[in-house]
PDB file of N, CA and C in Angstrom:
ATOM      1  N   MET A   1     -11.402  -0.260 -11.615  1.00  0.00           N
ATOM      2  CA  MET A   1     -10.248  -1.205 -11.244  1.00  0.00           C
ATOM      3  C   MET A   1     -10.171  -0.703  -9.654  1.00  0.00           C
ATOM      4  N   SER A   2     -10.345  -1.543  -8.720  1.00  0.00           N
ATOM      5  CA  SER A   2     -10.091  -1.152  -7.144  1.00  0.00           C
ATOM      6  C   SER A   2      -8.883  -1.345  -6.826  1.00  0.00           C
ATOM      7  N   ILE A   3      -8.571  -2.888  -6.881  1.00  0.00           N
ATOM      8  CA  ILE A   3      -7.128  -3.358  -6.418  1.00  0.00           C
ATOM      9  C   ILE A   3      -6.573  -4.270  -7.157  1.00  0.00           C
ATOM     10  N   LYS A   4      -5.474  -4.037  -8.057  1.00  0.00           N
ATOM     11  CA  LYS A   4      -5.393  -5.386  -8.480  1.00  0.00           C
ATOM     12  C   LYS A   4      -3.697  -5.623  -7.791  1.00  0.00           C
ATOM     13  N   ALA A   5      -3.395  -6.445  -7.538  1.00  0.00           N
ATOM     14  CA  ALA A   5      -2.274  -7.251  -6.816  1.00  0.00           C
ATOM     15  C   ALA A   5      -1.293  -8.317  -7.677  1.00  0.00           C
ATOM     16  N   GLU A   6      -0.263  -8.701  -7.323  1.00  0.00           N
ATOM     17  CA  GLU A   6       0.539  -9.306  -8.137  1.00  0.00           C
ATOM     18  C   GLU A   6       2.004  -9.436  -7.604  1.00  0.00           C
ATOM     19  N   VAL A   7       2.424 -10.618  -7.761  1.00  0.00           N
ATOM     20  CA  VAL A   7       4.244 -10.514  -7.619  1.00  0.00           C
ATOM     21  C   VAL A   7       4.869 -10.999  -8.445  1.00  0.00           C
ATOM     22  N   VAL A   8       5.556  -9.670  -8.358  1.00  0.00           N
ATOM     23  CA  VAL A   8       6.373  -9.893  -9.356  1.00  0.00           C
ATOM     24  C   VAL A   8       7.997  -9.890  -8.898  1.00  0.00           C
ATOM     25  N   ASN A   9       9.045 -10.332  -9.828  1.00  0.00           N
ATOM     26  CA  ASN A   9      10.307 -11.053  -9.938  1.00  0.00           C
ATOM     27  C   ASN A   9      10.141 -11.782  -8.559  1.00  0.00           C
ATOM     28  N   ASP A  10       9.189 -12.354  -8.340  1.00  0.00           N
ATOM     29  CA  ASP A  10       9.206 -13.471  -7.365  1.00  0.00           C
ATOM     30  C   ASP A  10       9.515 -12.880  -5.696  1.00  0.00           C
ATOM     31  N   SER A  11       9.952 -11.972  -5.734  1.00  0.00           N
ATOM     32  CA  SER A  11      10.469 -11.212  -4.538  1.00  0.00           C
ATOM     33  C   SER A  11       9.445  -9.592  -3.848  1.00  0.00           C
ATOM     34  N   THR A  12       8.999  -9.387  -5.077  1.00  0.00           N
ATOM     35  CA  THR A  12       8.079  -8.249  -4.885  1.00  0.00           C
ATOM     36  C   THR A  12       7.009  -7.761  -5.112  1.00  0.00           C
ATOM     37  N   PHE A  13       5.752  -7.911  -4.022  1.00  0.00           N
ATOM     38  CA  PHE A  13       4.189  -7.906  -4.281  1.00  0.00           C
ATOM     39  C   PHE A  13       4.167  -6.186  -4.465  1.00  0.00           C
ATOM     40  N   ASN A  14       3.186  -6.728  -5.494  1.00  0.00           N
ATOM     41  CA  ASN A  14       2.929  -4.990  -6.124  1.00  0.00           C
ATOM     42  C   ASN A  14       1.323  -5.016  -6.115  1.00  0.00           C
ATOM     43  N   ILE A  15       0.793  -4.007  -5.358  1.00  0.00           N
ATOM     44  CA  ILE A  15      -0.791  -3.470  -4.884  1.00  0.00           C
ATOM     45  C   ILE A  15      -0.905  -2.473  -5.649  1.00  0.00           C
ATOM     46  N   LYS A  16      -1.524  -2.249  -6.706  1.00  0.00           N
ATOM     47  CA  LYS A  16      -1.876  -1.064  -7.436  1.00  0.00           C
ATOM     48  C   LYS A  16      -3.472  -0.889  -7.231  1.00  0.00           C
ATOM     49  N   ILE A  17      -3.624   0.745  -6.782  1.00  0.00           N
ATOM     50  CA  ILE A  17      -4.988   1.044  -5.715  1.00  0.00           C
ATOM     51  C   ILE A  17      -5.325   1.785  -7.346  1.00  0.00           C
ATOM     52  N   GLY A  18      -7.069   1.661  -7.182  1.00  0.00           N
ATOM     53  CA  GLY A  18      -7.557   2.612  -8.559  1.00  0.00           C
ATOM     54  C   GLY A  18      -7.976   4.043  -8.010  1.00  0.00           C
ATOM     55  N   GLU A  19      -8.851   4.616  -8.537  1.00  0.00           N
ATOM     56  CA  GLU A  19      -9.173   6.016  -8.091  1.00  0.00           C
ATOM     57  C   GLU A  19      -9.585   6.653  -7.128  1.00  0.00           C
ATOM     58  N   ARG A  20     -10.015   5.896  -5.851  1.00  0.00           N
ATOM     59  CA  ARG A  20     -10.452   5.906  -4.794  1.00  0.00           C
ATOM     60  C   ARG A  20      -9.715   4.694  -3.936  1.00  0.00           C
ATOM     61  N   PHE A  21      -9.108   5.627  -2.646  1.00  0.00           N
ATOM     62  CA  PHE A  21      -8.640   4.645  -1.756  1.00  0.00           C
ATOM     63  C   PHE A  21      -9.062   4.929  -0.276  1.00  0.00           C
ATOM     64  N   ASP A  22     -10.438   4.080   0.104  1.00  0.00           N
ATOM     65  CA  ASP A  22     -11.026   4.573   0.989  1.00  0.00           C
ATOM     66  C   ASP A  22     -11.884   3.150   1.523  1.00  0.00           C
ATOM     67  N   PHE A  23     -12.371   3.742   2.600  1.00  0.00           N
ATOM     68  CA  PHE A  23     -12.665   2.870   3.985  1.00  0.00           C
ATOM     69  C   PHE A  23     -13.582   1.505   2.626  1.00  0.00           C
ATOM     70  N   SER A  24     -14.266   1.935   1.584  1.00  0.00           N
ATOM     71  CA  SER A  24     -14.908   0.550   0.786  1.00  0.00           C
ATOM     72  C   SER A  24     -13.941  -0.290  -0.131  1.00  0.00           C
ATOM     73  N   LEU A  25     -12.497   0.134   0.789  1.00  0.00           N
ATOM     74  CA  LEU A  25     -11.349  -0.966   0.162  1.00  0.00           C
ATOM     75  C   LEU A  25     -10.978  -2.054   1.222  1.00  0.00           C
ATOM     76  N   VAL A  26     -11.574  -1.677   2.231  1.00  0.00           N
ATOM     77  CA  VAL A  26     -10.990  -2.412   3.776  1.00  0.00           C
ATOM     78  C   VAL A  26     -10.821  -4.074   3.434  1.00  0.00           C
ATOM     79  N   THR A  27     -11.871  -4.521   3.168  1.00  0.00           N
ATOM     80  CA  THR A  27     -11.972  -5.791   3.134  1.00  0.00           C
ATOM     81  C   THR A  27     -10.827  -6.360   1.989  1.00  0.00           C
ATOM     82  N   GLU A  28     -11.284  -5.688   1.038  1.00  0.00           N
ATOM     83  CA  GLU A  28     -10.246  -5.908  -0.729  1.00  0.00           C
ATOM     84  C   GLU A  28      -8.989  -6.229  -0.211  1.00  0.00           C
ATOM     85  N   PHE A  29      -8.490  -4.708   0.377  1.00  0.00           N
ATOM     86  CA  PHE A  29      -6.727  -4.584   0.498  1.00  0.00           C
ATOM     87  C   PHE A  29      -6.439  -5.812   1.443  1.00  0.00           C
ATOM     88  N   ARG A  30      -7.124  -6.065   2.761  1.00  0.00           N
ATOM     89  CA  ARG A  30      -6.697  -6.812   3.407  1.00  0.00           C
ATOM     90  C   ARG A  30      -6.662  -8.287   3.083  1.00  0.00           C
ATOM     91  N   ASN A  31      -7.199  -8.409   2.015  1.00  0.00           N
ATOM     92  CA  ASN A  31      -7.720  -9.959   1.332  1.00  0.00           C
ATOM     93  C   ASN A  31      -6.022 -10.153   0.601  1.00  0.00           C
ATOM     94  N   THR A  32      -5.633  -8.754  -0.192  1.00  0.00           N
ATOM     95  CA  THR A  32      -4.663  -9.051  -0.899  1.00  0.00           C
ATOM     96  C   THR A  32      -3.314  -9.419  -0.282  1.00  0.00           C
ATOM     97  N   TYR A  33      -3.004  -9.180   0.739  1.00  0.00           N
ATOM     98  CA  TYR A  33      -1.730  -9.699   1.387  1.00  0.00           C
ATOM     99  C   TYR A  33      -2.149 -10.583   2.248  1.00  0.00           C
ATOM    100  N   GLU A  34      -3.231 -11.230   2.748  1.00  0.00           N
ATOM    101  CA  GLU A  34      -3.492 -11.950   3.698  1.00  0.00           C
ATOM    102  C   GLU A  34      -2.898 -13.406   3.779  1.00  0.00           C
ATOM    103  N   ASP A  35      -2.922 -14.242   2.189  1.00  0.00           N
ATOM    104  CA  ASP A  35      -1.224 -15.029   2.288  1.00  0.00           C
ATOM    105  C   ASP A  35      -0.587 -14.824   1.527  1.00  0.00           C
ATOM    106  N   LEU A  36       0.489 -13.927   1.984  1.00  0.00           N
ATOM    107  CA  LEU A  36       1.534 -13.630   1.034  1.00  0.00           C
ATOM    108  C   LEU A  36       2.186 -14.070   0.963  1.00  0.00           C
ATOM    109  N   ASP A  37       3.297 -14.595  -0.451  1.00  0.00           N
ATOM    110  CA  ASP A  37       3.810 -15.499  -0.814  1.00  0.00           C
ATOM    111  C   ASP A  37       5.015 -15.445   0.374  1.00  0.00           C
ATOM    112  N   PRO A  38       5.653 -16.468   0.759  1.00  0.00           N
ATOM    113  CA  PRO A  38       6.821 -16.381   1.749  1.00  0.00           C
ATOM    114  C   PRO A  38       8.236 -15.646   0.947  1.00  0.00           C
ATOM    115  N   ARG A  39       8.187 -15.825  -0.067  1.00  0.00           N
ATOM    116  CA  ARG A  39       9.385 -15.347  -0.858  1.00  0.00           C
ATOM    117  C   ARG A  39       9.548 -14.121  -1.138  1.00  0.00           C
ATOM    118  N   VAL A  40       8.134 -13.071  -0.850  1.00  0.00           N
ATOM    119  CA  VAL A  40       7.922 -11.837  -0.936  1.00  0.00           C
ATOM    120  C   VAL A  40       9.155 -11.343  -0.004  1.00  0.00           C
ATOM    121  N   ASN A  41       9.826 -10.285   0.009  1.00  0.00           N
ATOM    122  CA  ASN A  41      10.526  -9.442   0.830  1.00  0.00           C
ATOM    123  C   ASN A  41      10.193  -7.766   0.627  1.00  0.00           C
ATOM    124  N   GLN A  42       9.306  -7.431  -0.728  1.00  0.00           N
ATOM    125  CA  GLN A  42       9.258  -5.954  -0.724  1.00  0.00           C
ATOM    126  C   GLN A  42       7.576  -5.915  -0.750  1.00  0.00           C
ATOM    127  N   ILE A  43       7.201  -4.665  -0.456  1.00  0.00           N
ATOM    128  CA  ILE A  43       5.557  -4.711  -1.004  1.00  0.00           C
ATOM    129  C   ILE A  43       5.591  -3.129  -1.440  1.00  0.00           C
ATOM    130  N   ASP A  44       5.322  -3.036  -2.800  1.00  0.00           N
ATOM    131  CA  ASP A  44       4.956  -1.891  -3.245  1.00  0.00           C
ATOM    132  C   ASP A  44       3.641  -1.480  -3.459  1.00  0.00           C
ATOM    133  N   ILE A  45       3.010   0.086  -2.909  1.00  0.00           N
ATOM    134  CA  ILE A  45       1.749   0.254  -3.110  1.00  0.00           C
ATOM    135  C   ILE A  45       1.757   1.676  -4.550  1.00  0.00           C
ATOM    136  N   ASP A  46       1.612   1.080  -5.820  1.00  0.00           N
ATOM    137  CA  ASP A  46       1.185   1.399  -6.631  1.00  0.00           C
ATOM    138  C   ASP A  46       0.016   2.811  -6.609  1.00  0.00           C
ATOM    139  N   LEU A  47       0.291   3.710  -6.159  1.00  0.00           N
ATOM    140  CA  LEU A  47      -0.752   4.961  -6.354  1.00  0.00           C
ATOM    141  C   LEU A  47      -1.088   5.844  -7.754  1.00  0.00           C
ATOM    142  N   SER A  48      -0.393   5.120  -9.023  1.00  0.00           N
ATOM    143  CA  SER A  48      -0.527   6.294  -9.914  1.00  0.00           C
ATOM    144  C   SER A  48      -1.797   6.366 -10.206  1.00  0.00           C
ATOM    145  N   ALA A  49      -2.931   5.714 -10.265  1.00  0.00           N
ATOM    146  CA  ALA A  49      -4.407   5.659 -10.422  1.00  0.00           C
ATOM    147  C   ALA A  49      -5.093   6.147  -9.269  1.00  0.00           C
ATOM    148  N   THR A  50      -4.309   6.603  -8.442  1.00  0.00           N
ATOM    149  CA  THR A  50      -5.430   7.089  -6.937  1.00  0.00           C
ATOM    150  C   THR A  50      -5.400   8.771  -7.001  1.00  0.00           C
ATOM    151  N   GLN A  51      -6.989   9.038  -6.996  1.00  0.00           N
ATOM    152  CA  GLN A  51      -6.960  10.385  -6.800  1.00  0.00           C
ATOM    153  C   GLN A  51      -7.467  10.808  -5.611  1.00  0.00           C
ATOM    154  N   TYR A  52      -8.265  10.051  -4.923  1.00  0.00           N
ATOM    155  CA  TYR A  52      -8.680  10.289  -3.367  1.00  0.00           C
ATOM    156  C   TYR A  52      -8.283   9.464  -2.556  1.00  0.00           C
ATOM    157  N   MET A  53      -7.639   9.619  -1.546  1.00  0.00           N
ATOM    158  CA  MET A  53      -7.736   9.013  -0.166  1.00  0.00           C
ATOM    159  C   MET A  53      -7.895   9.551   0.891  1.00  0.00           C
ATOM    160  N   ASP A  54      -8.646   8.685   1.686  1.00  0.00           N
ATOM    161  CA  ASP A  54      -8.782   9.376   3.014  1.00  0.00           C
ATOM    162  C   ASP A  54      -8.196   9.046   4.350  1.00  0.00           C
ATOM    163  N   SER A  55      -8.166   8.966   5.587  1.00  0.00           N
ATOM    164  CA  SER A  55      -7.910   8.636   6.445  1.00  0.00           C
ATOM    165  C   SER A  55      -7.892   7.154   6.542  1.00  0.00           C
ATOM    166  N   SER A  56      -9.177   6.568   6.329  1.00  0.00           N
ATOM    167  CA  SER A  56      -8.967   4.951   6.700  1.00  0.00           C
ATOM    168  C   SER A  56      -8.047   4.291   5.909  1.00  0.00           C
ATOM    169  N   ALA A  57      -7.605   5.083   4.482  1.00  0.00           N
ATOM    170  CA  ALA A  57      -6.837   4.082   3.514  1.00  0.00           C
ATOM    171  C   ALA A  57      -5.100   4.434   4.324  1.00  0.00           C
ATOM    172  N   LEU A  58      -4.830   5.580   5.242  1.00  0.00           N
ATOM    173  CA  LEU A  58      -3.860   5.952   6.136  1.00  0.00           C
ATOM    174  C   LEU A  58      -4.179   4.418   7.188  1.00  0.00           C
ATOM    175  N   GLY A  59      -4.589   4.188   7.715  1.00  0.00           N
ATOM    176  CA  GLY A  59      -4.926   3.315   8.527  1.00  0.00           C
ATOM    177  C   GLY A  59      -4.966   1.782   7.895  1.00  0.00           C
ATOM    178  N   MET A  60      -5.473   1.544   7.173  1.00  0.00           N
ATOM    179  CA  MET A  60      -4.933   0.415   6.055  1.00  0.00           C
ATOM    180  C   MET A  60      -3.489  -0.075   5.911  1.00  0.00           C
ATOM    181  N   LEU A  61      -2.943   1.055   5.357  1.00  0.00           N
ATOM    182  CA  LEU A  61      -1.644   0.737   5.359  1.00  0.00           C
ATOM    183  C   LEU A  61      -0.745   0.954   6.571  1.00  0.00           C
ATOM    184  N   LEU A  62      -0.961   1.226   7.503  1.00  0.00           N
ATOM    185  CA  LEU A  62      -0.278   0.864   8.840  1.00  0.00           C
ATOM    186  C   LEU A  62      -1.010  -0.538   9.495  1.00  0.00           C
ATOM    187  N   ASN A  63      -2.100  -0.723   9.213  1.00  0.00           N
ATOM    188  CA  ASN A  63      -2.563  -2.174   9.757  1.00  0.00           C
ATOM    189  C   ASN A  63      -1.748  -3.435   9.152  1.00  0.00           C
ATOM    190  N   MET A  64      -1.144  -3.142   7.338  1.00  0.00           N
ATOM    191  CA  MET A  64      -0.803  -3.697   6.881  1.00  0.00           C
ATOM    192  C   MET A  64       0.514  -4.372   7.306  1.00  0.00           C
ATOM    193  N   GLN A  65       1.273  -3.015   8.163  1.00  0.00           N
ATOM    194  CA  GLN A  65       2.700  -3.293   8.631  1.00  0.00           C
ATOM    195  C   GLN A  65       2.677  -3.823   9.392  1.00  0.00           C
ATOM    196  N   LYS A  66       1.219  -3.692  10.559  1.00  0.00           N
ATOM    197  CA  LYS A  66       1.614  -4.564  11.916  1.00  0.00           C
ATOM    198  C   LYS A  66       0.813  -6.221  11.520  1.00  0.00           C
ATOM    199  N   VAL A  67       0.456  -6.180  10.778  1.00  0.00           N
ATOM    200  CA  VAL A  67      -0.250  -7.868  10.301  1.00  0.00           C
ATOM    201  C   VAL A  67       0.729  -8.408   9.919  1.00  0.00           C
ATOM    202  N   LEU A  68       1.804  -8.025   8.997  1.00  0.00           N
ATOM    203  CA  LEU A  68       3.189  -8.273   8.660  1.00  0.00           C
ATOM    204  C   LEU A  68       4.431  -8.086   9.165  1.00  0.00           C
ATOM    205  N   ALA A  69       4.574  -7.534  10.195  1.00  0.00           N
ATOM    206  CA  ALA A  69       5.376  -7.104  11.512  1.00  0.00           C
ATOM    207  C   ALA A  69       6.446  -8.143  11.647  1.00  0.00           C
ATOM    208  N   GLU A  70       5.810  -9.326  11.768  1.00  0.00           N
ATOM    209  CA  GLU A  70       6.888 -10.405  12.202  1.00  0.00           C
ATOM    210  C   GLU A  70       7.912 -10.555  11.012  1.00  0.00           C
ATOM    211  N   ARG A  71       7.459 -10.170   9.389  1.00  0.00           N
ATOM    212  CA  ARG A  71       8.297 -10.599   8.350  1.00  0.00           C
ATOM    213  C   ARG A  71       9.047  -9.230   7.960  1.00  0.00           C
ATOM    214  N   GLN A  72      10.211  -9.723   7.436  1.00  0.00           N
ATOM    215  CA  GLN A  72      11.287  -8.996   7.445  1.00  0.00           C
ATOM    216  C   GLN A  72      10.758  -7.979   5.786  1.00  0.00           C
ATOM    217  N   LEU A  73      10.113  -7.423   6.001  1.00  0.00           N
ATOM    218  CA  LEU A  73       9.899  -6.492   4.516  1.00  0.00           C
ATOM    219  C   LEU A  73       9.963  -5.212   4.565  1.00  0.00           C
ATOM    220  N   THR A  74      10.266  -4.571   3.090  1.00  0.00           N
ATOM    221  CA  THR A  74      10.179  -3.499   3.115  1.00  0.00           C
ATOM    222  C   THR A  74       8.855  -2.719   2.192  1.00  0.00           C
ATOM    223  N   TYR A  75       8.916  -1.386   2.204  1.00  0.00           N
ATOM    224  CA  TYR A  75       7.321  -0.978   1.913  1.00  0.00           C
ATOM    225  C   TYR A  75       7.658   0.369   1.314  1.00  0.00           C
ATOM    226  N   ARG A  76       7.255   0.422  -0.096  1.00  0.00           N
ATOM    227  CA  ARG A  76       7.339   1.657  -0.798  1.00  0.00           C
ATOM    228  C   ARG A  76       5.618   2.073  -1.231  1.00  0.00           C
ATOM    229  N   ILE A  77       5.841   3.410  -1.202  1.00  0.00           N
ATOM    230  CA  ILE A  77       4.605   3.652  -1.874  1.00  0.00           C
ATOM    231  C   ILE A  77       5.142   4.749  -3.488  1.00  0.00           C
ATOM    232  N   LEU A  78       4.334   4.104  -4.061  1.00  0.00           N
ATOM    233  CA  LEU A  78       4.879   4.602  -5.638  1.00  0.00           C
ATOM    234  C   LEU A  78       4.043   5.264  -6.379  1.00  0.00           C
ATOM    235  N   ASN A  79       4.317   6.624  -7.612  1.00  0.00           N
ATOM    236  CA  ASN A  79       3.692   6.862  -8.161  1.00  0.00           C
ATOM    237  C   ASN A  79       2.433   7.864  -7.798  1.00  0.00           C
ATOM    238  N   THR A  80       2.659   8.601  -6.239  1.00  0.00           N
ATOM    239  CA  THR A  80       1.925   9.435  -5.993  1.00  0.00           C
ATOM    240  C   THR A  80       1.726  11.013  -6.855  1.00  0.00           C
ATOM    241  N   ARG A  81       0.569  11.005  -6.953  1.00  0.00           N
ATOM    242  CA  ARG A  81       0.203  12.504  -7.337  1.00  0.00           C
ATOM    243  C   ARG A  81       0.374  13.161  -6.258  1.00  0.00           C
ATOM    244  N   PRO A  82       0.398  14.731  -6.815  1.00  0.00           N
ATOM    245  CA  PRO A  82       0.768  15.946  -5.511  1.00  0.00           C
ATOM    246  C   PRO A  82      -0.049  15.599  -4.595  1.00  0.00           C
ATOM    247  N   GLN A  83      -1.476  15.672  -4.894  1.00  0.00           N
ATOM    248  CA  GLN A  83      -2.333  15.678  -3.379  1.00  0.00           C
ATOM    249  C   GLN A  83      -1.856  14.461  -2.612  1.00  0.00           C
ATOM    250  N   ILE A  84      -1.925  13.133  -3.135  1.00  0.00           N
ATOM    251  CA  ILE A  84      -1.652  12.368  -2.184  1.00  0.00           C
ATOM    252  C   ILE A  84      -0.228  12.401  -1.714  1.00  0.00           C
ATOM    253  N   ALA A  85       0.588  12.412  -2.414  1.00  0.00           N
ATOM    254  CA  ALA A  85       1.863  12.709  -1.815  1.00  0.00           C
ATOM    255  C   ALA A  85       1.687  13.910  -0.536  1.00  0.00           C
ATOM    256  N   ARG A  86       1.247  14.686  -0.711  1.00  0.00           N
ATOM    257  CA  ARG A  86       1.196  15.638   0.480  1.00  0.00           C
ATOM    258  C   ARG A  86       0.294  15.522   1.534  1.00  0.00           C
ATOM    259  N   ILE A  87      -0.714  14.701   1.491  1.00  0.00           N
ATOM    260  CA  ILE A  87      -1.403  13.376   2.540  1.00  0.00           C
ATOM    261  C   ILE A  87      -0.375  12.848   3.532  1.00  0.00           C
ATOM    262  N   LEU A  88       0.576  12.195   2.433  1.00  0.00           N
ATOM    263  CA  LEU A  88       1.277  11.354   3.150  1.00  0.00           C
ATOM    264  C   LEU A  88       2.401  12.012   3.787  1.00  0.00           C
ATOM    265  N   GLN A  89       2.820  12.982   3.865  1.00  0.00           N
ATOM    266  CA  GLN A  89       3.994  13.962   3.909  1.00  0.00           C
ATOM    267  C   GLN A  89       3.224  14.529   5.373  1.00  0.00           C
ATOM    268  N   ILE A  90       2.108  15.259   5.111  1.00  0.00           N
ATOM    269  CA  ILE A  90       1.363  16.096   6.395  1.00  0.00           C
ATOM    270  C   ILE A  90       1.448  14.613   7.346  1.00  0.00           C
ATOM    271  N   SER A  91       0.875  13.612   6.978  1.00  0.00           N
ATOM    272  CA  SER A  91       0.741  12.089   7.680  1.00  0.00           C
ATOM    273  C   SER A  91       2.176  11.466   8.015  1.00  0.00           C
ATOM    274  N   ARG A  92       3.135  12.177   8.347  1.00  0.00           N
ATOM    275  CA  ARG A  92       4.626  11.493   8.298  1.00  0.00           C
ATOM    276  C   ARG A  92       4.663  10.206   7.974  1.00  0.00           C
ATOM    277  N   PHE A  93       4.235   9.645   6.710  1.00  0.00           N
ATOM    278  CA  PHE A  93       4.194   8.674   6.554  1.00  0.00           C
ATOM    279  C   PHE A  93       5.426   8.351   5.735  1.00  0.00           C
ATOM    280  N   ASN A  94       6.291   9.292   5.553  1.00  0.00           N
ATOM    281  CA  ASN A  94       7.728   9.076   4.977  1.00  0.00           C
ATOM    282  C   ASN A  94       8.418   8.298   5.762  1.00  0.00           C
ATOM    283  N   LYS A  95       8.287   8.180   7.430  1.00  0.00           N
ATOM    284  CA  LYS A  95       8.653   7.552   8.378  1.00  0.00           C
ATOM    285  C   LYS A  95       8.602   6.295   8.511  1.00  0.00           C
ATOM    286  N   LYS A  96       8.118   5.606   7.646  1.00  0.00           N
ATOM    287  CA  LYS A  96       7.458   4.288   7.924  1.00  0.00           C
ATOM    288  C   LYS A  96       7.339   3.535   6.331  1.00  0.00           C
ATOM    289  N   PHE A  97       7.634   4.433   5.423  1.00  0.00           N
ATOM    290  CA  PHE A  97       7.212   3.726   4.144  1.00  0.00           C
ATOM    291  C   PHE A  97       8.546   4.880   3.033  1.00  0.00           C
ATOM    292  N   ASP A  98       9.216   4.001   2.478  1.00  0.00           N
ATOM    293  CA  ASP A  98       9.738   4.883   1.149  1.00  0.00           C
ATOM    294  C   ASP A  98       8.997   5.220   0.292  1.00  0.00           C
ATOM    295  N   ILE A  99       8.583   6.712   0.206  1.00  0.00           N
ATOM    296  CA  ILE A  99       7.847   7.067  -0.725  1.00  0.00           C
ATOM    297  C   ILE A  99       8.524   7.930  -1.936  1.00  0.00           C
ATOM    298  N   GLN A 100       7.632   7.373  -3.234  1.00  0.00           N
ATOM    299  CA  GLN A 100       8.561   7.702  -4.518  1.00  0.00           C
ATOM    300  C   GLN A 100       7.502   8.728  -5.366  1.00  0.00           C
TER     301      GLN A 100
END
């Protein structure tokens, strides 16, 4: 599994990332939110399976926010493993995302 995406409860878009979140997923990640349902008001990034994340993954998350900036969306990063949570904390992603 690399990425699975689905709309949940008509208003939450859930993107579940596989074991590696790196440059190899750039196109696939972008394609998940390209035609986002207009009813969606929240995007959840589920990293429960993610064991490796590099700087390109951080860039992909920021780019997603930039592309969707005209929409009123909230963003959450969920189920992070300790090493991934540390990367997000050091990168100050808690300023742009709700990290749980």
